[in-house]
Amino acid sequence: ILNSYITKYMTIFGKNFTVQFDETFDIELKGLQKRGLGYYSLSQGEKKRVDLAILLAFLELTRRKNSINTNIIIFDEILDSSLDTEGIENFISILKDKIREGKIDNVKIISHNKELSVPDATKLEIYKENGFSKIRRE
């Protein structure tokens, strides 16, 4: 079940290979043109997509196992490195689908990337002024 969820998210991320865990949780990449390539031979962006696919798969697996929807999920700097614009857009789209389907109630994304734009989101900027933290809602 976990592997099927990972495959689903890898497809959404537009990757033409699959990630599978065996019974001892060793990871295997299938469908790469060159044989013998493993996780650590992927680019940083590909690794980030694999990591996000696994994260989302575990989120779905725990929801299915426990029949509990996640009421809040917080991502701290998860989109600040490695992913290109398409990868970020795919991830945001997945999160929006989960919110629309009622699988997640609230998503908080903490980022230092001032260029990050999430449509229909409330943006809070935390900044220092005279040694004190202040919050600006945009």
C-alpha atoms as a PDB file:
ATOM      1  CA  ILE A   1       0.000   0.000   0.000  1.00  0.00           C
ATOM      2  CA  LEU A   2       2.804   2.401   0.922  1.00  0.00           C
ATOM      3  CA  ASN A   3       4.570   1.770  -2.386  1.00  0.00           C
ATOM      4  CA  SER A   4       1.376   2.416  -4.362  1.00  0.00           C
ATOM      5  CA  TYR A   5       0.930   5.776  -2.608  1.00  0.00           C
ATOM      6  CA  ILE A   6       4.558   6.706  -3.315  1.00  0.00           C
ATOM      7  CA  THR A   7       4.077   5.785  -6.985  1.00  0.00           C
ATOM      8  CA  LYS A   8       0.957   7.965  -7.139  1.00  0.00           C
ATOM      9  CA  TYR A   9       2.868  11.004  -5.881  1.00  0.00           C
ATOM     10  CA  MET A  10       5.927  10.353  -8.053  1.00  0.00           C
ATOM     11  CA  THR A  11       3.567  10.356 -11.042  1.00  0.00           C
ATOM     12  CA  ILE A  12       2.102  13.707  -9.951  1.00  0.00           C
ATOM     13  CA  PHE A  13       5.659  15.050  -9.642  1.00  0.00           C
ATOM     14  CA  GLY A  14       6.210  13.957 -13.248  1.00  0.00           C
ATOM     15  CA  LYS A  15       8.969  11.451 -12.570  1.00  0.00           C
ATOM     16  CA  ASN A  16       9.334   8.424 -14.834  1.00  0.00           C
ATOM     17  CA  PHE A  17      10.686   6.137 -12.136  1.00  0.00           C
ATOM     18  CA  THR A  18       9.158   4.570  -9.064  1.00  0.00           C
ATOM     19  CA  VAL A  19      10.378   4.319  -5.524  1.00  0.00           C
ATOM     20  CA  GLN A  20       9.686   1.148  -3.588  1.00  0.00           C
ATOM     21  CA  PHE A  21      10.520  -0.134  -0.151  1.00  0.00           C
ATOM     22  CA  ASP A  22      11.075  -3.839   0.383  1.00  0.00           C
ATOM     23  CA  GLU A  23      10.094  -5.739   3.538  1.00  0.00           C
ATOM     24  CA  THR A  24      13.228  -4.478   5.363  1.00  0.00           C
ATOM     25  CA  PHE A  25      12.593  -0.881   4.232  1.00  0.00           C
ATOM     26  CA  ASP A  26      15.522  -0.828   1.826  1.00  0.00           C
ATOM     27  CA  ILE A  27      14.710   1.634  -0.926  1.00  0.00           C
ATOM     28  CA  GLU A  28      14.814   0.706  -4.594  1.00  0.00           C
ATOM     29  CA  LEU A  29      14.365   2.956  -7.607  1.00  0.00           C
ATOM     30  CA  LYS A  30      12.744   1.273 -10.593  1.00  0.00           C
ATOM     31  CA  GLY A  31      12.428   2.525 -14.129  1.00  0.00           C
ATOM     32  CA  LEU A  32      15.603   4.576 -14.411  1.00  0.00           C
ATOM     33  CA  GLN A  33      17.367   4.322 -17.763  1.00  0.00           C
ATOM     34  CA  LYS A  34      20.717   3.504 -16.182  1.00  0.00           C
ATOM     35  CA  ARG A  35      20.890   0.458 -13.956  1.00  0.00           C
ATOM     36  CA  GLY A  36      22.439   0.702 -10.554  1.00  0.00           C
ATOM     37  CA  LEU A  37      21.337   4.258  -9.831  1.00  0.00           C
ATOM     38  CA  GLY A  38      20.176   4.742  -6.301  1.00  0.00           C
ATOM     39  CA  TYR A  39      18.687   7.505  -4.220  1.00  0.00           C
ATOM     40  CA  TYR A  40      22.068   9.144  -3.579  1.00  0.00           C
ATOM     41  CA  SER A  41      22.833   9.395  -7.301  1.00  0.00           C
ATOM     42  CA  LEU A  42      19.732  11.543  -7.934  1.00  0.00           C
ATOM     43  CA  SER A  43      19.878  15.304  -8.279  1.00  0.00           C
ATOM     44  CA  GLN A  44      18.852  17.378  -5.253  1.00  0.00           C
ATOM     45  CA  GLY A  45      15.519  18.238  -6.916  1.00  0.00           C
ATOM     46  CA  GLU A  46      14.789  14.577  -7.658  1.00  0.00           C
ATOM     47  CA  LYS A  47      15.671  13.612  -4.083  1.00  0.00           C
ATOM     48  CA  LYS A  48      13.315  16.314  -2.778  1.00  0.00           C
ATOM     49  CA  ARG A  49      10.496  14.941  -4.943  1.00  0.00           C
ATOM     50  CA  VAL A  50      11.171  11.421  -3.643  1.00  0.00           C
ATOM     51  CA  ASP A  51      11.226  12.723  -0.054  1.00  0.00           C
ATOM     52  CA  LEU A  52       7.937  14.586  -0.527  1.00  0.00           C
ATOM     53  CA  ALA A  53       6.310  11.573  -2.206  1.00  0.00           C
ATOM     54  CA  ILE A  54       7.326   9.391   0.754  1.00  0.00           C
ATOM     55  CA  LEU A  55       6.113  12.005   3.250  1.00  0.00           C
ATOM     56  CA  LEU A  56       2.742  12.323   1.530  1.00  0.00           C
ATOM     57  CA  ALA A  57       2.445   8.537   1.225  1.00  0.00           C
ATOM     58  CA  PHE A  58       3.001   8.083   4.963  1.00  0.00           C
ATOM     59  CA  LEU A  59       0.446  10.817   5.635  1.00  0.00           C
ATOM     60  CA  GLU A  60      -2.106   8.901   3.550  1.00  0.00           C
ATOM     61  CA  LEU A  61      -1.143   5.576   5.091  1.00  0.00           C
ATOM     62  CA  THR A  62      -1.609   6.858   8.648  1.00  0.00           C
ATOM     63  CA  ARG A  63      -4.957   8.386   7.690  1.00  0.00           C
ATOM     64  CA  ARG A  64      -6.068   5.076   6.208  1.00  0.00           C
ATOM     65  CA  LYS A  65      -4.753   2.996   9.127  1.00  0.00           C
ATOM     66  CA  ASN A  66      -6.187   5.187  11.881  1.00  0.00           C
ATOM     67  CA  SER A  67      -9.226   6.639  10.064  1.00  0.00           C
ATOM     68  CA  ILE A  68      -8.104  10.063  11.248  1.00  0.00           C
ATOM     69  CA  ASN A  69      -7.691  13.128   9.082  1.00  0.00           C
ATOM     70  CA  THR A  70      -4.866  15.501   9.845  1.00  0.00           C
ATOM     71  CA  ASN A  71      -6.226  18.773  11.175  1.00  0.00           C
ATOM     72  CA  ILE A  72      -2.919  20.644  10.794  1.00  0.00           C
ATOM     73  CA  ILE A  73       0.388  20.021   9.101  1.00  0.00           C
ATOM     74  CA  ILE A  74       3.396  22.323   9.344  1.00  0.00           C
ATOM     75  CA  PHE A  75       6.226  22.341   6.809  1.00  0.00           C
ATOM     76  CA  ASP A  76       9.324  24.177   7.997  1.00  0.00           C
ATOM     77  CA  GLU A  77      11.513  25.340   5.106  1.00  0.00           C
ATOM     78  CA  ILE A  78      10.533  22.307   3.041  1.00  0.00           C
ATOM     79  CA  LEU A  79      10.243  24.406  -0.127  1.00  0.00           C
ATOM     80  CA  ASP A  80      13.328  26.572   0.405  1.00  0.00           C
ATOM     81  CA  SER A  81      15.803  24.474  -1.557  1.00  0.00           C
ATOM     82  CA  SER A  82      16.165  22.001  -4.389  1.00  0.00           C
ATOM     83  CA  LEU A  83      12.693  22.148  -5.957  1.00  0.00           C
ATOM     84  CA  ASP A  84      12.127  24.049  -9.157  1.00  0.00           C
ATOM     85  CA  THR A  85       8.975  26.070  -9.816  1.00  0.00           C
ATOM     86  CA  GLU A  86       7.160  23.067 -11.292  1.00  0.00           C
ATOM     87  CA  GLY A  87       7.947  20.899  -8.267  1.00  0.00           C
ATOM     88  CA  ILE A  88       6.707  23.588  -5.880  1.00  0.00           C
ATOM     89  CA  GLU A  89       3.529  24.040  -7.920  1.00  0.00           C
ATOM     90  CA  ASN A  90       2.920  20.269  -7.918  1.00  0.00           C
ATOM     91  CA  PHE A  91       3.380  20.078  -4.148  1.00  0.00           C
ATOM     92  CA  ILE A  92       1.075  23.063  -3.513  1.00  0.00           C
ATOM     93  CA  SER A  93      -1.522  21.500  -5.837  1.00  0.00           C
ATOM     94  CA  ILE A  94      -1.403  18.227  -3.883  1.00  0.00           C
ATOM     95  CA  LEU A  95      -1.880  20.090  -0.607  1.00  0.00           C
ATOM     96  CA  LYS A  96      -4.806  22.064  -2.017  1.00  0.00           C
ATOM     97  CA  ASP A  97      -6.430  18.830  -3.211  1.00  0.00           C
ATOM     98  CA  LYS A  98      -6.053  17.328   0.269  1.00  0.00           C
ATOM     99  CA  ILE A  99      -7.653  20.416   1.834  1.00  0.00           C
ATOM    100  CA  ARG A 100     -10.511  20.359  -0.704  1.00  0.00           C
ATOM    101  CA  GLU A 101     -11.063  16.631  -0.049  1.00  0.00           C
ATOM    102  CA  GLY A 102     -11.160  17.267   3.703  1.00  0.00           C
ATOM    103  CA  LYS A 103      -8.041  15.199   4.412  1.00  0.00           C
ATOM    104  CA  ILE A 104      -6.137  18.162   5.875  1.00  0.00           C
ATOM    105  CA  ASP A 105      -7.737  21.157   7.565  1.00  0.00           C
ATOM    106  CA  ASN A 106      -4.807  23.562   7.865  1.00  0.00           C
ATOM    107  CA  VAL A 107      -1.420  23.783   6.186  1.00  0.00           C
ATOM    108  CA  LYS A 108       1.314  26.079   7.453  1.00  0.00           C
ATOM    109  CA  ILE A 109       4.422  26.579   5.339  1.00  0.00           C
ATOM    110  CA  ILE A 110       7.375  28.309   6.955  1.00  0.00           C
ATOM    111  CA  SER A 111       9.773  29.718   4.395  1.00  0.00           C
ATOM    112  CA  HIS A 112      12.604  32.212   4.002  1.00  0.00           C
ATOM    113  CA  ASN A 113      11.883  32.342   0.277  1.00  0.00           C
ATOM    114  CA  LYS A 114      10.282  35.731  -0.266  1.00  0.00           C
ATOM    115  CA  GLU A 115       9.426  34.736  -3.839  1.00  0.00           C
ATOM    116  CA  LEU A 116       7.246  31.820  -2.702  1.00  0.00           C
ATOM    117  CA  SER A 117       3.668  32.532  -3.628  1.00  0.00           C
ATOM    118  CA  VAL A 118       0.762  30.320  -2.663  1.00  0.00           C
ATOM    119  CA  PRO A 119      -2.535  31.428  -4.252  1.00  0.00           C
ATOM    120  CA  ASP A 120      -5.439  31.938  -1.846  1.00  0.00           C
ATOM    121  CA  ALA A 121      -3.113  31.749   1.162  1.00  0.00           C
ATOM    122  CA  THR A 122      -2.678  34.149   4.033  1.00  0.00           C
ATOM    123  CA  LYS A 123       0.909  35.306   4.225  1.00  0.00           C
ATOM    124  CA  LEU A 124       2.455  36.359   7.507  1.00  0.00           C
ATOM    125  CA  GLU A 125       5.852  38.023   7.477  1.00  0.00           C
ATOM    126  CA  ILE A 126       7.807  37.923  10.709  1.00  0.00           C
ATOM    127  CA  TYR A 127      10.545  40.527  10.911  1.00  0.00           C
ATOM    128  CA  LYS A 128      12.706  42.256  13.489  1.00  0.00           C
ATOM    129  CA  GLU A 129      12.311  45.915  14.364  1.00  0.00           C
ATOM    130  CA  ASN A 130      14.381  47.504  17.119  1.00  0.00           C
ATOM    131  CA  GLY A 131      15.235  44.056  18.475  1.00  0.00           C
ATOM    132  CA  PHE A 132      11.608  42.879  18.652  1.00  0.00           C
ATOM    133  CA  SER A 133       9.814  40.416  16.405  1.00  0.00           C
ATOM    134  CA  LYS A 134       6.810  41.807  14.608  1.00  0.00           C
ATOM    135  CA  ILE A 135       4.221  40.202  12.371  1.00  0.00           C
ATOM    136  CA  ARG A 136       2.851  41.734   9.194  1.00  0.00           C
ATOM    137  CA  ARG A 137      -0.143  40.149   7.484  1.00  0.00           C
ATOM    138  CA  GLU A 138      -0.139  40.431   3.708  1.00  0.00           C
END
